[in-house]
Amino acid sequence: MSPKQHSRARLVLEDGSVFHGFSFGFPASTSGEVVFTTGMVGYPQSLTDPSYRGQILVFTYPLIGNYGIGDSSRDEHKLLRNFESDHIQAKALVVSEFSPDHNHWNSKLSLDEWLNEQKVPGIFGIDTRALTRKIRQRGVMLGKIIIDGDPGFYDPNKENLVKLVSRKKPLRLGNGKHKAIVLDCGIKYNILRQLLKRDLTLKIVPWDYDFTKEDYDGLFISNGPGDPVTCGQAIEHIRTAIEARKPIFGICLGNQLLALAAGAKTYKLKYGHRSQNQPCISGEKGYITSQNHGFAVDKKTLPRGWKELFFNANDGTNEGIIHGEFPFFSAQFHPEGSCGPRDTDYLFDEFVKLMENGRK
């Protein structure tokens, strides 16, 4: 679509850099933390991933939107089939070029129509390669998209984002032979599907819910947005769960929360890992993984009894931890792989095995 049919817009970074482009989606100014993802596909899943709450998402792939947006059908558990939550979580979308036309058997809306429906702004015509290089050199920055007035800079790192995306009341799903407590810190729907297909009964609880006195076979700690140290109540409850010696499995933010509960420390990455092709090593095996995180575990601070389970082959950062004696482990990446590879979905099976062994 010709830029002449769209109003002008600007992306302004906190270092003073200005990128000129054109507005699409919902025509409103907004601000947040500017991050980039190198994924070539999966923009509906990425935009609805609660881990992107408070962030302006830049796609490095040059053309976004050509297969449109899938329908809003739900599965037998009333989870949306084509999305990772009930609505777009990112503050805005930045692309080089968006496709106004879409062609896919399951497509119901164009990307432009969906953003408008969800009241989320977008900007296109940006040199996303130059923008990504700047973020890689300087690190993630605050930014604002100016369309109809200056919104000022918003720093999502100053608030508890997990509180914003976590459910407010407990929910039960499934009717399996093992009962798992699922700590919802912004869980992706496909994680729930992976757990449910393994014959589990899930009690999904808010991030600060005290589950420690309940009867359960295993604890699952979900992904989520922001700095893990803001989740003090969750960390305390996980620490109590560690003392109970029941199986624990964490993904993404869950890896960081488990590490903090164990006594380790976390830190903010320069520009994070957001892609579908991150190589991770465990022992003598390598895996291709899907990732979305801006913080990492400092593996040098892991206390006695804990060790690194996975590490990133690109930069050596921690990608998972495991206890040498008790049934606790986690992964920094997304083994449920939506959208992305599923080389590591066996980790869900390992969690179930630990629960079965605990029952025996």
Foldseek 3Di string as FASTA:
>chain_A
DDLVVFAKKWKAFPVGDIWIFTKFFAQDKDKAWEAEEAAPDQPQAVQQQQQQARYEYEYPNAEPFAAAAFDQDADPQRHGPRYFDDAGRHQAYEHAYYDCHYDDPGHDGTPRVRSNVRNHMYTYNTPSVVVNVVCVVQFITMIMMDRPDDPDTDYPQVDQSLQVQWDDAKDKDADFDFEEEEERSRATPLVVVLLRVVRYIYTYGYNLDQCLPPDGQEYEYGAHYYDLVNSVNNLVSLLSVVVVLHAYEYEASGQVSNQVSQPFDKDFARRDHAYQAWWKDFDPDIDGFGADYGMATPQVRRDPQKHAGIATPPPGTGAKMAGNPTNYIYGNTDCSCNPHDNPPSCVSVVSVVRSVVSVD
